[in-house]
Full PDB file with SEQRES, HELIX, SHEET, SSBOND, CRYST1, ORIGX, SCALE, CONECT and MASTER records, all heavy atoms in Angstrom:
SEQRES   1 A   34  ALA PRO PRO ALA GLN ASP ILE GLU GLY LEU ARG GLU ALA          
SEQRES   2 A   34  LEU VAL GLU MET LEU ALA ASN ASN ALA ASP LEU GLU ASN          
SEQRES   3 A   34  LEU ASP ALA ARG LEU ALA ALA MET                              
HELIX    1 AA1 ILE A    7  ALA A   19  1                                  13    
HELIX    2 AA2 LEU A   24  ASN A   26  5                                   3    
HELIX    3 AA3 ALA A   29  ALA A   33  1                                   5    
CRYST1    1.000    1.000    1.000  90.00  90.00  90.00 P 1           1          
ORIGX1      1.000000  0.000000  0.000000        0.00000                         
ORIGX2      0.000000  1.000000  0.000000        0.00000                         
ORIGX3      0.000000  0.000000  1.000000        0.00000                         
SCALE1      1.000000  0.000000  0.000000        0.00000                         
SCALE2      0.000000  1.000000  0.000000        0.00000                         
SCALE3      0.000000  0.000000  1.000000        0.00000                         
ATOM      1  N   ALA A   1     121.104 113.795 139.408  1.00  0.00           N  
ATOM      2  CA  ALA A   1     121.392 114.274 140.785  1.00  0.00           C  
ATOM      3  C   ALA A   1     120.813 113.203 141.905  1.00  0.00           C  
ATOM      4  O   ALA A   1     119.773 112.500 141.634  1.00  0.00           O  
ATOM      5  CB  ALA A   1     120.716 115.623 141.125  1.00  0.00           C  
ATOM      6  N   PRO A   2     121.495 112.975 142.995  1.00  0.00           N  
ATOM      7  CA  PRO A   2     120.994 112.040 144.006  1.00  0.00           C  
ATOM      8  C   PRO A   2     119.648 112.623 144.512  1.00  0.00           C  
ATOM      9  O   PRO A   2     119.399 113.735 144.542  1.00  0.00           O  
ATOM     10  CB  PRO A   2     122.062 112.056 145.040  1.00  0.00           C  
ATOM     11  CG  PRO A   2     123.287 112.588 144.370  1.00  0.00           C  
ATOM     12  CD  PRO A   2     122.829 113.492 143.322  1.00  0.00           C  
ATOM     13  N   PRO A   3     118.880 111.682 145.186  1.00  0.00           N  
ATOM     14  CA  PRO A   3     117.698 112.226 145.944  1.00  0.00           C  
ATOM     15  C   PRO A   3     118.014 113.215 147.030  1.00  0.00           C  
ATOM     16  O   PRO A   3     119.064 113.178 147.574  1.00  0.00           O  
ATOM     17  CB  PRO A   3     117.100 110.904 146.444  1.00  0.00           C  
ATOM     18  CG  PRO A   3     117.730 109.826 145.766  1.00  0.00           C  
ATOM     19  CD  PRO A   3     119.083 110.147 145.263  1.00  0.00           C  
ATOM     20  N   ALA A   4     117.011 114.072 147.214  1.00  0.00           N  
ATOM     21  CA  ALA A   4     117.260 115.108 148.333  1.00  0.00           C  
ATOM     22  C   ALA A   4     117.557 114.540 149.642  1.00  0.00           C  
ATOM     23  O   ALA A   4     118.244 115.099 150.452  1.00  0.00           O  
ATOM     24  CB  ALA A   4     116.063 116.019 148.406  1.00  0.00           C  
ATOM     25  N   GLN A   5     117.087 113.392 149.993  1.00  0.00           N  
ATOM     26  CA  GLN A   5     117.291 112.816 151.274  1.00  0.00           C  
ATOM     27  C   GLN A   5     118.562 112.188 151.426  1.00  0.00           C  
ATOM     28  O   GLN A   5     119.147 111.841 152.496  1.00  0.00           O  
ATOM     29  CB  GLN A   5     116.126 111.742 151.593  1.00  0.00           C  
ATOM     30  CG  GLN A   5     114.782 112.318 151.754  1.00  0.00           C  
ATOM     31  CD  GLN A   5     114.175 112.692 150.371  1.00  0.00           C  
ATOM     32  OE1 GLN A   5     114.596 112.175 149.266  1.00  0.00           O  
ATOM     33  NE2 GLN A   5     113.022 113.412 150.389  1.00  0.00           N  
ATOM     34  N   ASP A   6     119.253 111.884 150.280  1.00  0.00           N  
ATOM     35  CA  ASP A   6     120.533 111.194 150.307  1.00  0.00           C  
ATOM     36  C   ASP A   6     121.603 112.250 150.445  1.00  0.00           C  
ATOM     37  O   ASP A   6     122.218 112.635 149.436  1.00  0.00           O  
ATOM     38  CB  ASP A   6     120.686 110.417 149.006  1.00  0.00           C  
ATOM     39  CG  ASP A   6     122.095 109.556 148.989  1.00  0.00           C  
ATOM     40  OD1 ASP A   6     122.702 109.598 150.073  1.00  0.00           O  
ATOM     41  OD2 ASP A   6     122.391 109.032 148.020  1.00  0.00           O  
ATOM     42  N   ILE A   7     121.837 112.785 151.666  1.00  0.00           N  
ATOM     43  CA  ILE A   7     122.791 113.785 151.795  1.00  0.00           C  
ATOM     44  C   ILE A   7     124.243 113.353 151.645  1.00  0.00           C  
ATOM     45  O   ILE A   7     125.070 114.213 151.034  1.00  0.00           O  
ATOM     46  CB  ILE A   7     122.731 114.400 153.244  1.00  0.00           C  
ATOM     47  CG1 ILE A   7     123.533 115.745 153.437  1.00  0.00           C  
ATOM     48  CG2 ILE A   7     122.976 113.394 154.279  1.00  0.00           C  
ATOM     49  CD1 ILE A   7     123.123 116.942 152.522  1.00  0.00           C  
ATOM     50  N   GLU A   8     124.529 112.160 151.943  1.00  0.00           N  
ATOM     51  CA  GLU A   8     125.861 111.538 151.620  1.00  0.00           C  
ATOM     52  C   GLU A   8     126.132 111.537 150.039  1.00  0.00           C  
ATOM     53  O   GLU A   8     127.257 111.890 149.533  1.00  0.00           O  
ATOM     54  CB  GLU A   8     126.033 110.184 152.164  1.00  0.00           C  
ATOM     55  CG  GLU A   8     127.385 109.578 152.036  1.00  0.00           C  
ATOM     56  CD  GLU A   8     128.566 110.399 152.803  1.00  0.00           C  
ATOM     57  OE1 GLU A   8     128.119 111.108 153.802  1.00  0.00           O  
ATOM     58  OE2 GLU A   8     129.642 110.520 152.340  1.00  0.00           O  
ATOM     59  N   GLY A   9     125.038 111.128 149.334  1.00  0.00           N  
ATOM     60  CA  GLY A   9     125.248 111.112 147.951  1.00  0.00           C  
ATOM     61  C   GLY A   9     125.335 112.588 147.285  1.00  0.00           C  
ATOM     62  O   GLY A   9     126.210 112.736 146.269  1.00  0.00           O  
ATOM     63  N   LEU A  10     124.779 113.614 147.917  1.00  0.00           N  
ATOM     64  CA  LEU A  10     124.895 114.990 147.478  1.00  0.00           C  
ATOM     65  C   LEU A  10     126.298 115.448 147.754  1.00  0.00           C  
ATOM     66  O   LEU A  10     126.819 116.161 146.949  1.00  0.00           O  
ATOM     67  CB  LEU A  10     123.800 115.749 148.188  1.00  0.00           C  
ATOM     68  CG  LEU A  10     122.338 115.587 147.759  1.00  0.00           C  
ATOM     69  CD1 LEU A  10     121.469 116.331 148.618  1.00  0.00           C  
ATOM     70  CD2 LEU A  10     122.066 115.936 146.348  1.00  0.00           C  
ATOM     71  N   ARG A  11     126.828 115.012 148.826  1.00  0.00           N  
ATOM     72  CA  ARG A  11     128.179 115.424 149.236  1.00  0.00           C  
ATOM     73  C   ARG A  11     129.279 114.902 148.065  1.00  0.00           C  
ATOM     74  O   ARG A  11     130.114 115.671 147.682  1.00  0.00           O  
ATOM     75  CB  ARG A  11     128.535 114.907 150.593  1.00  0.00           C  
ATOM     76  CG  ARG A  11     127.880 115.690 151.770  1.00  0.00           C  
ATOM     77  CD  ARG A  11     128.688 115.469 153.043  1.00  0.00           C  
ATOM     78  NE  ARG A  11     127.885 115.677 154.184  1.00  0.00           N  
ATOM     79  CZ  ARG A  11     127.406 114.725 154.964  1.00  0.00           C  
ATOM     80  NH1 ARG A  11     127.633 113.495 154.626  1.00  0.00           N  
ATOM     81  NH2 ARG A  11     126.577 115.143 156.013  1.00  0.00           N  
ATOM     82  N   GLU A  12     129.016 113.593 147.806  1.00  0.00           N  
ATOM     83  CA  GLU A  12     129.897 112.886 146.832  1.00  0.00           C  
ATOM     84  C   GLU A  12     129.812 113.742 145.522  1.00  0.00           C  
ATOM     85  O   GLU A  12     130.796 113.913 144.761  1.00  0.00           O  
ATOM     86  CB  GLU A  12     129.550 111.525 146.636  1.00  0.00           C  
ATOM     87  CG  GLU A  12     129.867 110.643 147.844  1.00  0.00           C  
ATOM     88  CD  GLU A  12     131.351 110.433 148.183  1.00  0.00           C  
ATOM     89  OE1 GLU A  12     132.104 110.771 147.250  1.00  0.00           O  
ATOM     90  OE2 GLU A  12     131.799 110.113 149.193  1.00  0.00           O  
ATOM     91  N   ALA A  13     128.541 114.048 145.142  1.00  0.00           N  
ATOM     92  CA  ALA A  13     128.339 114.772 143.778  1.00  0.00           C  
ATOM     93  C   ALA A  13     128.996 116.143 143.896  1.00  0.00           C  
ATOM     94  O   ALA A  13     129.526 116.580 142.825  1.00  0.00           O  
ATOM     95  CB  ALA A  13     126.803 114.792 143.453  1.00  0.00           C  
ATOM     96  N   LEU A  14     128.891 116.725 144.971  1.00  0.00           N  
ATOM     97  CA  LEU A  14     129.511 118.061 145.197  1.00  0.00           C  
ATOM     98  C   LEU A  14     131.040 118.050 145.010  1.00  0.00           C  
ATOM     99  O   LEU A  14     131.632 118.821 144.260  1.00  0.00           O  
ATOM    100  CB  LEU A  14     129.118 118.738 146.504  1.00  0.00           C  
ATOM    101  CG  LEU A  14     127.701 119.391 146.609  1.00  0.00           C  
ATOM    102  CD1 LEU A  14     127.397 119.609 148.025  1.00  0.00           C  
ATOM    103  CD2 LEU A  14     127.551 120.556 145.761  1.00  0.00           C  
ATOM    104  N   VAL A  15     131.627 117.054 145.673  1.00  0.00           N  
ATOM    105  CA  VAL A  15     133.087 116.891 145.573  1.00  0.00           C  
ATOM    106  C   VAL A  15     133.485 116.741 144.090  1.00  0.00           C  
ATOM    107  O   VAL A  15     134.454 117.232 143.601  1.00  0.00           O  
ATOM    108  CB  VAL A  15     133.577 115.708 146.404  1.00  0.00           C  
ATOM    109  CG1 VAL A  15     135.042 115.444 146.183  1.00  0.00           C  
ATOM    110  CG2 VAL A  15     133.328 116.107 147.936  1.00  0.00           C  
ATOM    111  N   GLU A  16     132.780 115.848 143.466  1.00  0.00           N  
ATOM    112  CA  GLU A  16     133.102 115.626 141.980  1.00  0.00           C  
ATOM    113  C   GLU A  16     133.125 116.840 141.218  1.00  0.00           C  
ATOM    114  O   GLU A  16     133.901 117.234 140.403  1.00  0.00           O  
ATOM    115  CB  GLU A  16     132.103 114.556 141.469  1.00  0.00           C  
ATOM    116  CG  GLU A  16     132.394 114.225 139.938  1.00  0.00           C  
ATOM    117  CD  GLU A  16     131.421 113.180 139.416  1.00  0.00           C  
ATOM    118  OE1 GLU A  16     130.662 112.594 140.183  1.00  0.00           O  
ATOM    119  OE2 GLU A  16     131.508 112.853 138.203  1.00  0.00           O  
ATOM    120  N   MET A  17     131.963 117.609 141.439  1.00  0.00           N  
ATOM    121  CA  MET A  17     131.726 118.839 140.530  1.00  0.00           C  
ATOM    122  C   MET A  17     132.857 119.933 140.922  1.00  0.00           C  
ATOM    123  O   MET A  17     133.430 120.572 140.120  1.00  0.00           O  
ATOM    124  CB  MET A  17     130.414 119.434 140.736  1.00  0.00           C  
ATOM    125  CG  MET A  17     129.352 118.718 139.881  1.00  0.00           C  
ATOM    126  SD  MET A  17     127.712 119.506 139.821  1.00  0.00           S  
ATOM    127  CE  MET A  17     127.089 119.139 141.565  1.00  0.00           C  
ATOM    128  N   LEU A  18     133.095 120.152 142.219  1.00  0.00           N  
ATOM    129  CA  LEU A  18     133.977 120.964 142.715  1.00  0.00           C  
ATOM    130  C   LEU A  18     135.450 120.698 142.217  1.00  0.00           C  
ATOM    131  O   LEU A  18     136.251 121.650 141.956  1.00  0.00           O  
ATOM    132  CB  LEU A  18     134.049 121.172 144.242  1.00  0.00           C  
ATOM    133  CG  LEU A  18     132.716 121.625 144.852  1.00  0.00           C  
ATOM    134  CD1 LEU A  18     132.787 121.545 146.328  1.00  0.00           C  
ATOM    135  CD2 LEU A  18     132.500 123.254 144.461  1.00  0.00           C  
ATOM    136  N   ALA A  19     135.767 119.412 142.243  1.00  0.00           N  
ATOM    137  CA  ALA A  19     137.186 119.052 141.802  1.00  0.00           C  
ATOM    138  C   ALA A  19     137.388 119.145 140.254  1.00  0.00           C  
ATOM    139  O   ALA A  19     138.560 119.428 139.813  1.00  0.00           O  
ATOM    140  CB  ALA A  19     137.396 117.615 142.168  1.00  0.00           C  
ATOM    141  N   ASN A  20     136.305 119.183 139.547  1.00  0.00           N  
ATOM    142  CA  ASN A  20     136.526 119.258 138.056  1.00  0.00           C  
ATOM    143  C   ASN A  20     136.222 120.490 137.399  1.00  0.00           C  
ATOM    144  O   ASN A  20     136.168 120.671 136.208  1.00  0.00           O  
ATOM    145  CB  ASN A  20     135.629 118.250 137.507  1.00  0.00           C  
ATOM    146  CG  ASN A  20     136.034 116.675 137.813  1.00  0.00           C  
ATOM    147  OD1 ASN A  20     137.133 116.465 138.127  1.00  0.00           O  
ATOM    148  ND2 ASN A  20     135.076 115.940 137.924  1.00  0.00           N  
ATOM    149  N   ASN A  21     135.922 121.541 138.347  1.00  0.00           N  
ATOM    150  CA  ASN A  21     135.727 122.988 137.778  1.00  0.00           C  
ATOM    151  C   ASN A  21     136.561 123.973 138.360  1.00  0.00           C  
ATOM    152  O   ASN A  21     136.524 124.069 139.658  1.00  0.00           O  
ATOM    153  CB  ASN A  21     134.192 123.212 137.997  1.00  0.00           C  
ATOM    154  CG  ASN A  21     133.299 122.381 137.138  1.00  0.00           C  
ATOM    155  OD1 ASN A  21     132.995 122.796 136.042  1.00  0.00           O  
ATOM    156  ND2 ASN A  21     132.835 121.355 137.683  1.00  0.00           N  
ATOM    157  N   ALA A  22     137.366 124.670 137.652  1.00  0.00           N  
ATOM    158  CA  ALA A  22     138.198 125.713 138.208  1.00  0.00           C  
ATOM    159  C   ALA A  22     137.437 126.976 138.774  1.00  0.00           C  
ATOM    160  O   ALA A  22     138.011 127.421 139.758  1.00  0.00           O  
ATOM    161  CB  ALA A  22     139.140 126.183 137.009  1.00  0.00           C  
ATOM    162  N   ASP A  23     136.357 127.218 138.334  1.00  0.00           N  
ATOM    163  CA  ASP A  23     135.600 128.403 138.848  1.00  0.00           C  
ATOM    164  C   ASP A  23     134.181 128.170 139.006  1.00  0.00           C  
ATOM    165  O   ASP A  23     133.418 127.914 137.942  1.00  0.00           O  
ATOM    166  CB  ASP A  23     135.870 129.691 137.877  1.00  0.00           C  
ATOM    167  CG  ASP A  23     135.451 130.956 138.386  1.00  0.00           C  
ATOM    168  OD1 ASP A  23     134.742 130.952 139.535  1.00  0.00           O  
ATOM    169  OD2 ASP A  23     135.738 131.963 137.851  1.00  0.00           O  
ATOM    170  N   LEU A  24     133.711 128.184 140.130  1.00  0.00           N  
ATOM    171  CA  LEU A  24     132.268 127.910 140.490  1.00  0.00           C  
ATOM    172  C   LEU A  24     131.382 128.965 139.686  1.00  0.00           C  
ATOM    173  O   LEU A  24     130.224 128.558 139.383  1.00  0.00           O  
ATOM    174  CB  LEU A  24     132.014 127.983 141.878  1.00  0.00           C  
ATOM    175  CG  LEU A  24     132.682 126.910 142.806  1.00  0.00           C  
ATOM    176  CD1 LEU A  24     132.068 127.145 144.188  1.00  0.00           C  
ATOM    177  CD2 LEU A  24     132.433 125.476 142.313  1.00  0.00           C  
ATOM    178  N   GLU A  25     131.781 130.191 139.473  1.00  0.00           N  
ATOM    179  CA  GLU A  25     130.956 131.165 138.791  1.00  0.00           C  
ATOM    180  C   GLU A  25     130.643 130.850 137.447  1.00  0.00           C  
ATOM    181  O   GLU A  25     129.634 131.274 136.855  1.00  0.00           O  
ATOM    182  CB  GLU A  25     131.627 132.493 138.950  1.00  0.00           C  
ATOM    183  CG  GLU A  25     131.801 132.980 140.333  1.00  0.00           C  
ATOM    184  CD  GLU A  25     132.400 134.445 140.447  1.00  0.00           C  
ATOM    185  OE1 GLU A  25     132.813 134.911 139.279  1.00  0.00           O  
ATOM    186  OE2 GLU A  25     132.615 134.976 141.487  1.00  0.00           O  
ATOM    187  N   ASN A  26     131.396 129.977 136.805  1.00  0.00           N  
ATOM    188  CA  ASN A  26     131.221 129.598 135.346  1.00  0.00           C  
ATOM    189  C   ASN A  26     130.778 128.232 135.315  1.00  0.00           C  
ATOM    190  O   ASN A  26     130.700 127.653 134.207  1.00  0.00           O  
ATOM    191  CB  ASN A  26     132.554 129.665 134.558  1.00  0.00           C  
ATOM    192  CG  ASN A  26     133.105 131.109 134.518  1.00  0.00           C  
ATOM    193  OD1 ASN A  26     132.272 132.046 134.394  1.00  0.00           O  
ATOM    194  ND2 ASN A  26     134.377 131.265 134.530  1.00  0.00           N  
ATOM    195  N   LEU A  27     130.220 127.608 136.414  1.00  0.00           N  
ATOM    196  CA  LEU A  27     129.830 126.286 136.523  1.00  0.00           C  
ATOM    197  C   LEU A  27     128.388 126.199 135.903  1.00  0.00           C  
ATOM    198  O   LEU A  27     127.652 127.175 135.979  1.00  0.00           O  
ATOM    199  CB  LEU A  27     129.734 125.730 137.933  1.00  0.00           C  
ATOM    200  CG  LEU A  27     129.646 124.334 138.160  1.00  0.00           C  
ATOM    201  CD1 LEU A  27     130.803 123.513 137.468  1.00  0.00           C  
ATOM    202  CD2 LEU A  27     129.648 123.859 139.634  1.00  0.00           C  
ATOM    203  N   ASP A  28     128.058 125.151 135.315  1.00  0.00           N  
ATOM    204  CA  ASP A  28     126.622 124.990 134.723  1.00  0.00           C  
ATOM    205  C   ASP A  28     125.626 124.937 135.765  1.00  0.00           C  
ATOM    206  O   ASP A  28     125.805 125.055 137.059  1.00  0.00           O  
ATOM    207  CB  ASP A  28     126.672 123.730 133.713  1.00  0.00           C  
ATOM    208  CG  ASP A  28     126.855 122.479 134.454  1.00  0.00           C  
ATOM    209  OD1 ASP A  28     126.815 122.454 135.764  1.00  0.00           O  
ATOM    210  OD2 ASP A  28     127.191 121.463 133.830  1.00  0.00           O  
ATOM    211  N   ALA A  29     124.315 124.741 135.259  1.00  0.00           N  
ATOM    212  CA  ALA A  29     123.177 124.843 136.191  1.00  0.00           C  
ATOM    213  C   ALA A  29     123.013 123.669 137.178  1.00  0.00           C  
ATOM    214  O   ALA A  29     122.358 123.721 138.156  1.00  0.00           O  
ATOM    215  CB  ALA A  29     121.853 124.896 135.384  1.00  0.00           C  
ATOM    216  N   ARG A  30     123.862 122.562 136.988  1.00  0.00           N  
ATOM    217  CA  ARG A  30     123.747 121.485 137.830  1.00  0.00           C  
ATOM    218  C   ARG A  30     124.163 121.702 139.267  1.00  0.00           C  
ATOM    219  O   ARG A  30     123.389 121.341 140.230  1.00  0.00           O  
ATOM    220  CB  ARG A  30     124.623 120.243 137.294  1.00  0.00           C  
ATOM    221  CG  ARG A  30     124.141 119.652 136.004  1.00  0.00           C  
ATOM    222  CD  ARG A  30     125.185 118.561 135.583  1.00  0.00           C  
ATOM    223  NE  ARG A  30     125.368 117.531 136.595  1.00  0.00           N  
ATOM    224  CZ  ARG A  30     126.576 117.220 136.990  1.00  0.00           C  
ATOM    225  NH1 ARG A  30     127.671 117.720 136.381  1.00  0.00           N  
ATOM    226  NH2 ARG A  30     126.731 116.336 137.926  1.00  0.00           N  
ATOM    227  N   LEU A  31     125.177 122.516 139.605  1.00  0.00           N  
ATOM    228  CA  LEU A  31     125.526 122.844 140.944  1.00  0.00           C  
ATOM    229  C   LEU A  31     124.571 123.684 141.584  1.00  0.00           C  
ATOM    230  O   LEU A  31     124.065 123.475 142.705  1.00  0.00           O  
ATOM    231  CB  LEU A  31     126.937 123.562 140.984  1.00  0.00           C  
ATOM    232  CG  LEU A  31     127.386 123.929 142.347  1.00  0.00           C  
ATOM    233  CD1 LEU A  31     127.541 122.713 143.264  1.00  0.00           C  
ATOM    234  CD2 LEU A  31     128.705 124.635 142.229  1.00  0.00           C  
ATOM    235  N   ALA A  32     124.028 124.733 140.816  1.00  0.00           N  
ATOM    236  CA  ALA A  32     123.057 125.677 141.423  1.00  0.00           C  
ATOM    237  C   ALA A  32     121.781 124.911 141.769  1.00  0.00           C  
ATOM    238  O   ALA A  32     121.192 125.166 142.848  1.00  0.00           O  
ATOM    239  CB  ALA A  32     122.661 126.806 140.328  1.00  0.00           C  
ATOM    240  N   ALA A  33     121.368 123.967 140.912  1.00  0.00           N  
ATOM    241  CA  ALA A  33     120.229 123.197 141.171  1.00  0.00           C  
ATOM    242  C   ALA A  33     120.360 122.278 142.354  1.00  0.00           C  
ATOM    243  O   ALA A  33     119.454 122.071 143.109  1.00  0.00           O  
ATOM    244  CB  ALA A  33     119.791 122.333 139.894  1.00  0.00           C  
ATOM    245  N   MET A  34     121.559 121.754 142.488  1.00  0.00           N  
ATOM    246  CA  MET A  34     121.882 120.915 143.635  1.00  0.00           C  
ATOM    247  C   MET A  34     121.948 121.647 144.987  1.00  0.00           C  
ATOM    248  O   MET A  34     121.344 121.152 146.078  1.00  0.00           O  
ATOM    249  CB  MET A  34     123.291 120.126 143.548  1.00  0.00           C  
ATOM    250  CG  MET A  34     123.550 119.137 144.463  1.00  0.00           C  
ATOM    251  SD  MET A  34     124.978 118.133 144.177  1.00  0.00           S  
ATOM    252  CE  MET A  34     124.589 117.323 142.701  1.00  0.00           C  
TER     253      MET A  34                                                      
MASTER        0    0    0    3    0    0    0    6  252    1    0    3          
END                                                                             
């Protein structure tokens, strides 16, 4: 995961996870931790 201060990096990581998962409710712990 990107550093907490790197909000732009967090956005990019979010886009990647959202695009590759059909249902957020079944997503692993990475998104919840982010």
